[in-house]
Amino acid sequence: VMLPLAIATSIDALATGVTFAFLQVNIWLAIALIGTITLAMSMAG
């Protein structure tokens, strides 16, 4: 149940990651923030 939900909700993040490459974003900071904030928001949800 959870694996398909996790993949489906993260497809947007895949596309956003593509934009990060074009914008010279610090990917390690970005994925740390995205992962941590999603963890906290999911737990709160």
PDB file of all heavy atoms in Angstrom:
ATOM      1  N   VAL A   1       0.832  -1.201   0.000  1.00  0.00           N
ATOM      2  CA  VAL A   1       0.000   0.000   0.000  1.00  0.00           C
ATOM      3  C   VAL A   1       0.871   1.258   0.000  1.00  0.00           C
ATOM      4  O   VAL A   1       0.651   2.190  -0.768  1.00  0.00           O
ATOM      5  CB  VAL A   1      -0.949   0.009   1.228  1.00  0.00           C
ATOM      6  CG1 VAL A   1      -1.670   1.337   1.360  1.00  0.00           C
ATOM      7  CG2 VAL A   1      -1.945  -1.132   1.128  1.00  0.00           C
ATOM      8  N   MET A   2       1.891   1.282   0.858  1.00  0.00           N
ATOM      9  CA  MET A   2       2.677   2.492   1.049  1.00  0.00           C
ATOM     10  C   MET A   2       3.657   2.785  -0.090  1.00  0.00           C
ATOM     11  O   MET A   2       3.875   3.948  -0.423  1.00  0.00           O
ATOM     12  CB  MET A   2       3.433   2.431   2.385  1.00  0.00           C
ATOM     13  CG  MET A   2       2.528   2.502   3.606  1.00  0.00           C
ATOM     14  SD  MET A   2       1.429   3.934   3.631  1.00  0.00           S
ATOM     15  CE  MET A   2       2.591   5.275   3.600  1.00  0.00           C
ATOM     16  N   LEU A   3       4.236   1.760  -0.696  1.00  0.00           N
ATOM     17  CA  LEU A   3       5.207   1.996  -1.765  1.00  0.00           C
ATOM     18  C   LEU A   3       4.580   2.734  -2.960  1.00  0.00           C
ATOM     19  O   LEU A   3       5.117   3.761  -3.400  1.00  0.00           O
ATOM     20  CB  LEU A   3       5.876   0.687  -2.200  1.00  0.00           C
ATOM     21  CG  LEU A   3       6.983   0.824  -3.242  1.00  0.00           C
ATOM     22  CD1 LEU A   3       8.137   1.652  -2.704  1.00  0.00           C
ATOM     23  CD2 LEU A   3       7.482  -0.556  -3.670  1.00  0.00           C
ATOM     24  N   PRO A   4       3.444   2.272  -3.474  1.00  0.00           N
ATOM     25  CA  PRO A   4       2.830   3.036  -4.579  1.00  0.00           C
ATOM     26  C   PRO A   4       2.432   4.462  -4.172  1.00  0.00           C
ATOM     27  O   PRO A   4       2.572   5.395  -4.957  1.00  0.00           O
ATOM     28  CB  PRO A   4       1.592   2.221  -4.949  1.00  0.00           C
ATOM     29  CG  PRO A   4       1.838   0.862  -4.412  1.00  0.00           C
ATOM     30  CD  PRO A   4       2.719   1.022  -3.216  1.00  0.00           C
ATOM     31  N   LEU A   5       1.965   4.634  -2.941  1.00  0.00           N
ATOM     32  CA  LEU A   5       1.614   5.978  -2.476  1.00  0.00           C
ATOM     33  C   LEU A   5       2.845   6.872  -2.403  1.00  0.00           C
ATOM     34  O   LEU A   5       2.810   8.039  -2.804  1.00  0.00           O
ATOM     35  CB  LEU A   5       0.939   5.911  -1.103  1.00  0.00           C
ATOM     36  CG  LEU A   5      -0.473   5.355  -1.057  1.00  0.00           C
ATOM     37  CD1 LEU A   5      -0.954   5.225   0.382  1.00  0.00           C
ATOM     38  CD2 LEU A   5      -1.423   6.225  -1.870  1.00  0.00           C
ATOM     39  N   ALA A   6       3.947   6.319  -1.898  1.00  0.00           N
ATOM     40  CA  ALA A   6       5.184   7.096  -1.784  1.00  0.00           C
ATOM     41  C   ALA A   6       5.717   7.484  -3.157  1.00  0.00           C
ATOM     42  O   ALA A   6       6.170   8.618  -3.365  1.00  0.00           O
ATOM     43  CB  ALA A   6       6.235   6.303  -1.005  1.00  0.00           C
ATOM     44  N   ILE A   7       5.646   6.573  -4.090  1.00  0.00           N
ATOM     45  CA  ILE A   7       6.102   6.879  -5.459  1.00  0.00           C
ATOM     46  C   ILE A   7       5.184   7.919  -6.095  1.00  0.00           C
ATOM     47  O   ILE A   7       5.651   8.907  -6.671  1.00  0.00           O
ATOM     48  CB  ILE A   7       6.178   5.598  -6.314  1.00  0.00           C
ATOM     49  CG1 ILE A   7       7.311   4.696  -5.801  1.00  0.00           C
ATOM     50  CG2 ILE A   7       6.388   5.942  -7.787  1.00  0.00           C
ATOM     51  CD1 ILE A   7       7.326   3.305  -6.400  1.00  0.00           C
ATOM     52  N   ALA A   8       3.885   7.714  -5.978  1.00  0.00           N
ATOM     53  CA  ALA A   8       2.924   8.633  -6.606  1.00  0.00           C
ATOM     54  C   ALA A   8       3.051  10.052  -6.059  1.00  0.00           C
ATOM     55  O   ALA A   8       2.992  11.019  -6.824  1.00  0.00           O
ATOM     56  CB  ALA A   8       1.499   8.117  -6.397  1.00  0.00           C
ATOM     57  N   THR A   9       3.235  10.182  -4.749  1.00  0.00           N
ATOM     58  CA  THR A   9       3.328  11.524  -4.167  1.00  0.00           C
ATOM     59  C   THR A   9       4.686  12.170  -4.417  1.00  0.00           C
ATOM     60  O   THR A   9       4.838  13.368  -4.195  1.00  0.00           O
ATOM     61  CB  THR A   9       3.053  11.506  -2.645  1.00  0.00           C
ATOM     62  OG1 THR A   9       3.981  10.636  -2.006  1.00  0.00           O
ATOM     63  CG2 THR A   9       1.630  11.078  -2.352  1.00  0.00           C
ATOM     64  N   SER A  10       5.670  11.408  -4.886  1.00  0.00           N
ATOM     65  CA  SER A  10       7.000  11.989  -5.088  1.00  0.00           C
ATOM     66  C   SER A  10       7.349  12.229  -6.555  1.00  0.00           C
ATOM     67  O   SER A  10       8.438  12.713  -6.859  1.00  0.00           O
ATOM     68  CB  SER A  10       8.065  11.100  -4.432  1.00  0.00           C
ATOM     69  OG  SER A  10       8.107   9.829  -5.039  1.00  0.00           O
ATOM     70  N   ILE A  11       6.444  11.932  -7.471  1.00  0.00           N
ATOM     71  CA  ILE A  11       6.703  12.188  -8.893  1.00  0.00           C
ATOM     72  C   ILE A  11       6.936  13.684  -9.127  1.00  0.00           C
ATOM     73  O   ILE A  11       7.810  14.076  -9.906  1.00  0.00           O
ATOM     74  CB  ILE A  11       5.541  11.666  -9.771  1.00  0.00           C
ATOM     75  CG1 ILE A  11       5.444  10.131  -9.674  1.00  0.00           C
ATOM     76  CG2 ILE A  11       5.701  12.120 -11.214  1.00  0.00           C
ATOM     77  CD1 ILE A  11       6.657   9.376 -10.147  1.00  0.00           C
ATOM     78  N   ASP A  12       6.187  14.525  -8.437  1.00  0.00           N
ATOM     79  CA  ASP A  12       6.384  15.967  -8.552  1.00  0.00           C
ATOM     80  C   ASP A  12       7.798  16.355  -8.124  1.00  0.00           C
ATOM     81  O   ASP A  12       8.406  17.254  -8.708  1.00  0.00           O
ATOM     82  CB  ASP A  12       5.375  16.723  -7.686  1.00  0.00           C
ATOM     83  CG  ASP A  12       3.937  16.483  -8.108  1.00  0.00           C
ATOM     84  OD1 ASP A  12       3.726  15.909  -9.188  1.00  0.00           O
ATOM     85  OD2 ASP A  12       3.036  16.873  -7.359  1.00  0.00           O
ATOM     86  N   ALA A  13       8.306  15.688  -7.115  1.00  0.00           N
ATOM     87  CA  ALA A  13       9.656  15.975  -6.632  1.00  0.00           C
ATOM     88  C   ALA A  13      10.712  15.585  -7.672  1.00  0.00           C
ATOM     89  O   ALA A  13      11.749  16.235  -7.788  1.00  0.00           O
ATOM     90  CB  ALA A  13       9.914  15.254  -5.308  1.00  0.00           C
ATOM     91  N   LEU A  14      10.443  14.541  -8.437  1.00  0.00           N
ATOM     92  CA  LEU A  14      11.350  14.138  -9.517  1.00  0.00           C
ATOM     93  C   LEU A  14      11.452  15.256 -10.555  1.00  0.00           C
ATOM     94  O   LEU A  14      12.551  15.665 -10.941  1.00  0.00           O
ATOM     95  CB  LEU A  14      10.856  12.846 -10.174  1.00  0.00           C
ATOM     96  CG  LEU A  14      11.656  12.341 -11.372  1.00  0.00           C
ATOM     97  CD1 LEU A  14      12.971  11.753 -10.924  1.00  0.00           C
ATOM     98  CD2 LEU A  14      10.855  11.306 -12.148  1.00  0.00           C
ATOM     99  N   ALA A  15      10.317  15.772 -10.974  1.00  0.00           N
ATOM    100  CA  ALA A  15      10.302  16.861 -11.953  1.00  0.00           C
ATOM    101  C   ALA A  15      10.961  18.116 -11.387  1.00  0.00           C
ATOM    102  O   ALA A  15      11.696  18.818 -12.089  1.00  0.00           O
ATOM    103  CB  ALA A  15       8.872  17.159 -12.386  1.00  0.00           C
ATOM    104  N   THR A  16      10.731  18.380 -10.119  1.00  0.00           N
ATOM    105  CA  THR A  16      11.355  19.542  -9.482  1.00  0.00           C
ATOM    106  C   THR A  16      12.869  19.374  -9.437  1.00  0.00           C
ATOM    107  O   THR A  16      13.613  20.337  -9.624  1.00  0.00           O
ATOM    108  CB  THR A  16      10.770  19.750  -8.077  1.00  0.00           C
ATOM    109  OG1 THR A  16       9.356  19.919  -8.187  1.00  0.00           O
ATOM    110  CG2 THR A  16      11.381  20.968  -7.402  1.00  0.00           C
ATOM    111  N   GLY A  17      13.334  18.153  -9.215  1.00  0.00           N
ATOM    112  CA  GLY A  17      14.771  17.884  -9.222  1.00  0.00           C
ATOM    113  C   GLY A  17      15.411  18.205 -10.561  1.00  0.00           C
ATOM    114  O   GLY A  17      16.552  18.686 -10.615  1.00  0.00           O
ATOM    115  N   VAL A  18      14.683  17.960 -11.641  1.00  0.00           N
ATOM    116  CA  VAL A  18      15.194  18.322 -12.966  1.00  0.00           C
ATOM    117  C   VAL A  18      15.410  19.831 -13.032  1.00  0.00           C
ATOM    118  O   VAL A  18      16.440  20.298 -13.528  1.00  0.00           O
ATOM    119  CB  VAL A  18      14.229  17.847 -14.083  1.00  0.00           C
ATOM    120  CG1 VAL A  18      14.655  18.395 -15.438  1.00  0.00           C
ATOM    121  CG2 VAL A  18      14.153  16.324 -14.116  1.00  0.00           C
ATOM    122  N   THR A  19      14.465  20.602 -12.515  1.00  0.00           N
ATOM    123  CA  THR A  19      14.626  22.063 -12.542  1.00  0.00           C
ATOM    124  C   THR A  19      15.805  22.502 -11.691  1.00  0.00           C
ATOM    125  O   THR A  19      16.465  23.495 -12.010  1.00  0.00           O
ATOM    126  CB  THR A  19      13.351  22.790 -12.061  1.00  0.00           C
ATOM    127  OG1 THR A  19      13.145  22.562 -10.687  1.00  0.00           O
ATOM    128  CG2 THR A  19      12.152  22.369 -12.866  1.00  0.00           C
ATOM    129  N   PHE A  20      16.084  21.786 -10.608  1.00  0.00           N
ATOM    130  CA  PHE A  20      17.228  22.143  -9.755  1.00  0.00           C
ATOM    131  C   PHE A  20      18.537  22.101 -10.541  1.00  0.00           C
ATOM    132  O   PHE A  20      19.428  22.917 -10.309  1.00  0.00           O
ATOM    133  CB  PHE A  20      17.327  21.216  -8.548  1.00  0.00           C
ATOM    134  CG  PHE A  20      16.282  21.438  -7.486  1.00  0.00           C
ATOM    135  CD1 PHE A  20      16.058  20.467  -6.524  1.00  0.00           C
ATOM    136  CD2 PHE A  20      15.523  22.599  -7.435  1.00  0.00           C
ATOM    137  CE1 PHE A  20      15.113  20.657  -5.528  1.00  0.00           C
ATOM    138  CE2 PHE A  20      14.572  22.786  -6.454  1.00  0.00           C
ATOM    139  CZ  PHE A  20      14.373  21.820  -5.494  1.00  0.00           C
ATOM    140  N   ALA A  21      18.675  21.153 -11.444  1.00  0.00           N
ATOM    141  CA  ALA A  21      19.905  21.047 -12.240  1.00  0.00           C
ATOM    142  C   ALA A  21      20.084  22.276 -13.121  1.00  0.00           C
ATOM    143  O   ALA A  21      21.207  22.739 -13.328  1.00  0.00           O
ATOM    144  CB  ALA A  21      19.867  19.787 -13.093  1.00  0.00           C
ATOM    145  N   PHE A  22      19.002  22.822 -13.614  1.00  0.00           N
ATOM    146  CA  PHE A  22      19.084  23.992 -14.484  1.00  0.00           C
ATOM    147  C   PHE A  22      19.330  25.275 -13.699  1.00  0.00           C
ATOM    148  O   PHE A  22      19.820  26.245 -14.238  1.00  0.00           O
ATOM    149  CB  PHE A  22      17.799  24.150 -15.304  1.00  0.00           C
ATOM    150  CG  PHE A  22      17.481  22.965 -16.164  1.00  0.00           C
ATOM    151  CD1 PHE A  22      16.185  22.513 -16.293  1.00  0.00           C
ATOM    152  CD2 PHE A  22      18.481  22.289 -16.853  1.00  0.00           C
ATOM    153  CE1 PHE A  22      15.882  21.419 -17.092  1.00  0.00           C
ATOM    154  CE2 PHE A  22      18.191  21.201 -17.652  1.00  0.00           C
ATOM    155  CZ  PHE A  22      16.891  20.764 -17.770  1.00  0.00           C
ATOM    156  N   LEU A  23      18.967  25.282 -12.439  1.00  0.00           N
ATOM    157  CA  LEU A  23      19.039  26.497 -11.634  1.00  0.00           C
ATOM    158  C   LEU A  23      20.236  26.522 -10.691  1.00  0.00           C
ATOM    159  O   LEU A  23      20.347  27.412  -9.861  1.00  0.00           O
ATOM    160  CB  LEU A  23      17.741  26.655 -10.834  1.00  0.00           C
ATOM    161  CG  LEU A  23      16.477  26.740 -11.671  1.00  0.00           C
ATOM    162  CD1 LEU A  23      15.244  26.738 -10.778  1.00  0.00           C
ATOM    163  CD2 LEU A  23      16.509  27.974 -12.554  1.00  0.00           C
ATOM    164  N   GLN A  24      21.110  25.547 -10.780  1.00  0.00           N
ATOM    165  CA  GLN A  24      22.316  25.498  -9.940  1.00  0.00           C
ATOM    166  C   GLN A  24      21.980  25.522  -8.446  1.00  0.00           C
ATOM    167  O   GLN A  24      22.533  26.298  -7.682  1.00  0.00           O
ATOM    168  CB  GLN A  24      23.267  26.649 -10.298  1.00  0.00           C
ATOM    169  CG  GLN A  24      23.633  26.733 -11.761  1.00  0.00           C
ATOM    170  CD  GLN A  24      24.264  25.455 -12.301  1.00  0.00           C
ATOM    171  OE1 GLN A  24      25.141  24.884 -11.662  1.00  0.00           O
ATOM    172  NE2 GLN A  24      23.812  25.000 -13.447  1.00  0.00           N
ATOM    173  N   VAL A  25      21.063  24.680  -8.033  1.00  0.00           N
ATOM    174  CA  VAL A  25      20.660  24.568  -6.639  1.00  0.00           C
ATOM    175  C   VAL A  25      21.594  23.592  -5.919  1.00  0.00           C
ATOM    176  O   VAL A  25      22.034  22.603  -6.504  1.00  0.00           O
ATOM    177  CB  VAL A  25      19.194  24.060  -6.562  1.00  0.00           C
ATOM    178  CG1 VAL A  25      18.780  23.698  -5.157  1.00  0.00           C
ATOM    179  CG2 VAL A  25      18.255  25.094  -7.152  1.00  0.00           C
ATOM    180  N   ASN A  26      21.894  23.853  -4.652  1.00  0.00           N
ATOM    181  CA  ASN A  26      22.652  22.911  -3.829  1.00  0.00           C
ATOM    182  C   ASN A  26      21.745  21.699  -3.576  1.00  0.00           C
ATOM    183  O   ASN A  26      20.859  21.736  -2.727  1.00  0.00           O
ATOM    184  CB  ASN A  26      23.067  23.566  -2.517  1.00  0.00           C
ATOM    185  CG  ASN A  26      23.818  22.619  -1.601  1.00  0.00           C
ATOM    186  OD1 ASN A  26      23.724  21.400  -1.718  1.00  0.00           O
ATOM    187  ND2 ASN A  26      24.557  23.182  -0.676  1.00  0.00           N
ATOM    188  N   ILE A  27      21.956  20.638  -4.332  1.00  0.00           N
ATOM    189  CA  ILE A  27      21.051  19.486  -4.302  1.00  0.00           C
ATOM    190  C   ILE A  27      21.028  18.806  -2.941  1.00  0.00           C
ATOM    191  O   ILE A  27      19.992  18.310  -2.503  1.00  0.00           O
ATOM    192  CB  ILE A  27      21.377  18.486  -5.445  1.00  0.00           C
ATOM    193  CG1 ILE A  27      20.263  17.437  -5.589  1.00  0.00           C
ATOM    194  CG2 ILE A  27      22.723  17.818  -5.222  1.00  0.00           C
ATOM    195  CD1 ILE A  27      18.917  17.979  -5.951  1.00  0.00           C
ATOM    196  N   TRP A  28      22.144  18.777  -2.249  1.00  0.00           N
ATOM    197  CA  TRP A  28      22.197  18.084  -0.952  1.00  0.00           C
ATOM    198  C   TRP A  28      21.372  18.820   0.094  1.00  0.00           C
ATOM    199  O   TRP A  28      20.656  18.190   0.878  1.00  0.00           O
ATOM    200  CB  TRP A  28      23.647  17.889  -0.511  1.00  0.00           C
ATOM    201  CG  TRP A  28      24.404  17.149  -1.568  1.00  0.00           C
ATOM    202  CD1 TRP A  28      25.402  17.642  -2.368  1.00  0.00           C
ATOM    203  CD2 TRP A  28      24.180  15.794  -2.003  1.00  0.00           C
ATOM    204  NE1 TRP A  28      25.812  16.679  -3.264  1.00  0.00           N
ATOM    205  CE2 TRP A  28      25.083  15.531  -3.058  1.00  0.00           C
ATOM    206  CE3 TRP A  28      23.307  14.784  -1.621  1.00  0.00           C
ATOM    207  CZ2 TRP A  28      25.130  14.314  -3.723  1.00  0.00           C
ATOM    208  CZ3 TRP A  28      23.363  13.568  -2.277  1.00  0.00           C
ATOM    209  CH2 TRP A  28      24.264  13.335  -3.306  1.00  0.00           C
ATOM    210  N   LEU A  29      21.450  20.129   0.079  1.00  0.00           N
ATOM    211  CA  LEU A  29      20.616  20.926   0.982  1.00  0.00           C
ATOM    212  C   LEU A  29      19.146  20.760   0.593  1.00  0.00           C
ATOM    213  O   LEU A  29      18.285  20.587   1.454  1.00  0.00           O
ATOM    214  CB  LEU A  29      21.028  22.398   0.923  1.00  0.00           C
ATOM    215  CG  LEU A  29      20.175  23.366   1.738  1.00  0.00           C
ATOM    216  CD1 LEU A  29      20.219  23.007   3.222  1.00  0.00           C
ATOM    217  CD2 LEU A  29      20.656  24.794   1.517  1.00  0.00           C
ATOM    218  N   ALA A  30      18.877  20.794  -0.708  1.00  0.00           N
ATOM    219  CA  ALA A  30      17.494  20.670  -1.184  1.00  0.00           C
ATOM    220  C   ALA A  30      16.877  19.337  -0.770  1.00  0.00           C
ATOM    221  O   ALA A  30      15.760  19.306  -0.244  1.00  0.00           O
ATOM    222  CB  ALA A  30      17.449  20.829  -2.705  1.00  0.00           C
ATOM    223  N   ILE A  31      17.601  18.230  -0.998  1.00  0.00           N
ATOM    224  CA  ILE A  31      16.998  16.932  -0.653  1.00  0.00           C
ATOM    225  C   ILE A  31      16.886  16.751   0.858  1.00  0.00           C
ATOM    226  O   ILE A  31      15.938  16.125   1.327  1.00  0.00           O
ATOM    227  CB  ILE A  31      17.724  15.744  -1.318  1.00  0.00           C
ATOM    228  CG1 ILE A  31      19.171  15.615  -0.860  1.00  0.00           C
ATOM    229  CG2 ILE A  31      17.629  15.832  -2.824  1.00  0.00           C
ATOM    230  CD1 ILE A  31      19.876  14.377  -1.377  1.00  0.00           C
ATOM    231  N   ALA A  32      17.803  17.330   1.612  1.00  0.00           N
ATOM    232  CA  ALA A  32      17.694  17.252   3.078  1.00  0.00           C
ATOM    233  C   ALA A  32      16.452  18.007   3.556  1.00  0.00           C
ATOM    234  O   ALA A  32      15.690  17.503   4.395  1.00  0.00           O
ATOM    235  CB  ALA A  32      18.946  17.810   3.740  1.00  0.00           C
ATOM    236  N   LEU A  33      16.241  19.198   3.016  1.00  0.00           N
ATOM    237  CA  LEU A  33      15.059  19.979   3.398  1.00  0.00           C
ATOM    238  C   LEU A  33      13.769  19.308   2.947  1.00  0.00           C
ATOM    239  O   LEU A  33      12.814  19.198   3.725  1.00  0.00           O
ATOM    240  CB  LEU A  33      15.141  21.385   2.802  1.00  0.00           C
ATOM    241  CG  LEU A  33      16.087  22.353   3.488  1.00  0.00           C
ATOM    242  CD1 LEU A  33      16.252  23.625   2.665  1.00  0.00           C
ATOM    243  CD2 LEU A  33      15.576  22.692   4.880  1.00  0.00           C
ATOM    244  N   ILE A  34      13.745  18.862   1.702  1.00  0.00           N
ATOM    245  CA  ILE A  34      12.534  18.230   1.173  1.00  0.00           C
ATOM    246  C   ILE A  34      12.197  16.972   1.963  1.00  0.00           C
ATOM    247  O   ILE A  34      11.047  16.766   2.369  1.00  0.00           O
ATOM    248  CB  ILE A  34      12.685  17.922  -0.331  1.00  0.00           C
ATOM    249  CG1 ILE A  34      12.713  19.229  -1.134  1.00  0.00           C
ATOM    250  CG2 ILE A  34      11.567  17.007  -0.827  1.00  0.00           C
ATOM    251  CD1 ILE A  34      13.148  19.060  -2.574  1.00  0.00           C
ATOM    252  N   GLY A  35      13.177  16.123   2.213  1.00  0.00           N
ATOM    253  CA  GLY A  35      12.943  14.886   2.961  1.00  0.00           C
ATOM    254  C   GLY A  35      12.500  15.143   4.389  1.00  0.00           C
ATOM    255  O   GLY A  35      11.548  14.540   4.884  1.00  0.00           O
ATOM    256  N   THR A  36      13.184  16.069   5.067  1.00  0.00           N
ATOM    257  CA  THR A  36      12.867  16.362   6.468  1.00  0.00           C
ATOM    258  C   THR A  36      11.502  17.017   6.609  1.00  0.00           C
ATOM    259  O   THR A  36      10.705  16.644   7.484  1.00  0.00           O
ATOM    260  CB  THR A  36      13.957  17.269   7.074  1.00  0.00           C
ATOM    261  OG1 THR A  36      15.225  16.629   6.925  1.00  0.00           O
ATOM    262  CG2 THR A  36      13.694  17.550   8.536  1.00  0.00           C
ATOM    263  N   ILE A  37      11.233  17.989   5.766  1.00  0.00           N
ATOM    264  CA  ILE A  37       9.938  18.673   5.841  1.00  0.00           C
ATOM    265  C   ILE A  37       8.800  17.713   5.492  1.00  0.00           C
ATOM    266  O   ILE A  37       7.753  17.713   6.143  1.00  0.00           O
ATOM    267  CB  ILE A  37       9.935  19.934   4.957  1.00  0.00           C
ATOM    268  CG1 ILE A  37      10.811  21.004   5.622  1.00  0.00           C
ATOM    269  CG2 ILE A  37       8.520  20.446   4.699  1.00  0.00           C
ATOM    270  CD1 ILE A  37      11.066  22.245   4.785  1.00  0.00           C
ATOM    271  N   THR A  38       9.015  16.855   4.503  1.00  0.00           N
ATOM    272  CA  THR A  38       7.976  15.880   4.148  1.00  0.00           C
ATOM    273  C   THR A  38       7.756  14.889   5.283  1.00  0.00           C
ATOM    274  O   THR A  38       6.611  14.550   5.593  1.00  0.00           O
ATOM    275  CB  THR A  38       8.337  15.139   2.849  1.00  0.00           C
ATOM    276  OG1 THR A  38       8.480  16.103   1.804  1.00  0.00           O
ATOM    277  CG2 THR A  38       7.262  14.133   2.466  1.00  0.00           C
ATOM    278  N   LEU A  39       8.822  14.432   5.898  1.00  0.00           N
ATOM    279  CA  LEU A  39       8.708  13.531   7.051  1.00  0.00           C
ATOM    280  C   LEU A  39       7.843  14.176   8.134  1.00  0.00           C
ATOM    281  O   LEU A  39       6.872  13.582   8.614  1.00  0.00           O
ATOM    282  CB  LEU A  39      10.098  13.185   7.600  1.00  0.00           C
ATOM    283  CG  LEU A  39      10.102  12.427   8.919  1.00  0.00           C
ATOM    284  CD1 LEU A  39      10.053  10.934   8.652  1.00  0.00           C
ATOM    285  CD2 LEU A  39      11.334  12.762   9.723  1.00  0.00           C
ATOM    286  N   ALA A  40       8.184  15.411   8.505  1.00  0.00           N
ATOM    287  CA  ALA A  40       7.454  16.102   9.570  1.00  0.00           C
ATOM    288  C   ALA A  40       5.998  16.373   9.172  1.00  0.00           C
ATOM    289  O   ALA A  40       5.083  16.155   9.977  1.00  0.00           O
ATOM    290  CB  ALA A  40       8.160  17.414   9.916  1.00  0.00           C
ATOM    291  N   MET A  41       5.790  16.821   7.935  1.00  0.00           N
ATOM    292  CA  MET A  41       4.430  17.115   7.487  1.00  0.00           C
ATOM    293  C   MET A  41       3.579  15.849   7.402  1.00  0.00           C
ATOM    294  O   MET A  41       2.381  15.877   7.710  1.00  0.00           O
ATOM    295  CB  MET A  41       4.460  17.813   6.123  1.00  0.00           C
ATOM    296  CG  MET A  41       5.095  19.188   6.122  1.00  0.00           C
ATOM    297  SD  MET A  41       4.069  20.446   6.852  1.00  0.00           S
ATOM    298  CE  MET A  41       2.734  20.510   5.678  1.00  0.00           C
ATOM    299  N   SER A  42       4.176  14.750   6.994  1.00  0.00           N
ATOM    300  CA  SER A  42       3.442  13.484   6.904  1.00  0.00           C
ATOM    301  C   SER A  42       3.056  12.976   8.285  1.00  0.00           C
ATOM    302  O   SER A  42       1.933  12.497   8.486  1.00  0.00           O
ATOM    303  CB  SER A  42       4.279  12.435   6.178  1.00  0.00           C
ATOM    304  OG  SER A  42       4.552  12.847   4.868  1.00  0.00           O
ATOM    305  N   MET A  43       3.975  13.092   9.212  1.00  0.00           N
ATOM    306  CA  MET A  43       3.664  12.673  10.576  1.00  0.00           C
ATOM    307  C   MET A  43       2.537  13.535  11.152  1.00  0.00           C
ATOM    308  O   MET A  43       1.593  13.021  11.755  1.00  0.00           O
ATOM    309  CB  MET A  43       4.914  12.736  11.448  1.00  0.00           C
ATOM    310  CG  MET A  43       5.946  11.674  11.083  1.00  0.00           C
ATOM    311  SD  MET A  43       7.462  11.779  12.035  1.00  0.00           S
ATOM    312  CE  MET A  43       6.891  11.253  13.653  1.00  0.00           C
ATOM    313  N   ALA A  44       2.622  14.837  10.926  1.00  0.00           N
ATOM    314  CA  ALA A  44       1.571  15.745  11.390  1.00  0.00           C
ATOM    315  C   ALA A  44       0.246  15.438  10.685  1.00  0.00           C
ATOM    316  O   ALA A  44      -0.819  15.449  11.312  1.00  0.00           O
ATOM    317  CB  ALA A  44       1.984  17.193  11.152  1.00  0.00           C
ATOM    318  N   GLY A  45       0.319  15.149   9.392  1.00  0.00           N
ATOM    319  CA  GLY A  45      -0.886  14.821   8.636  1.00  0.00           C
ATOM    320  C   GLY A  45      -1.606  13.603   9.177  1.00  0.00           C
ATOM    321  O   GLY A  45      -2.839  13.567   9.219  1.00  0.00           O
TER     322      GLY A  45
END
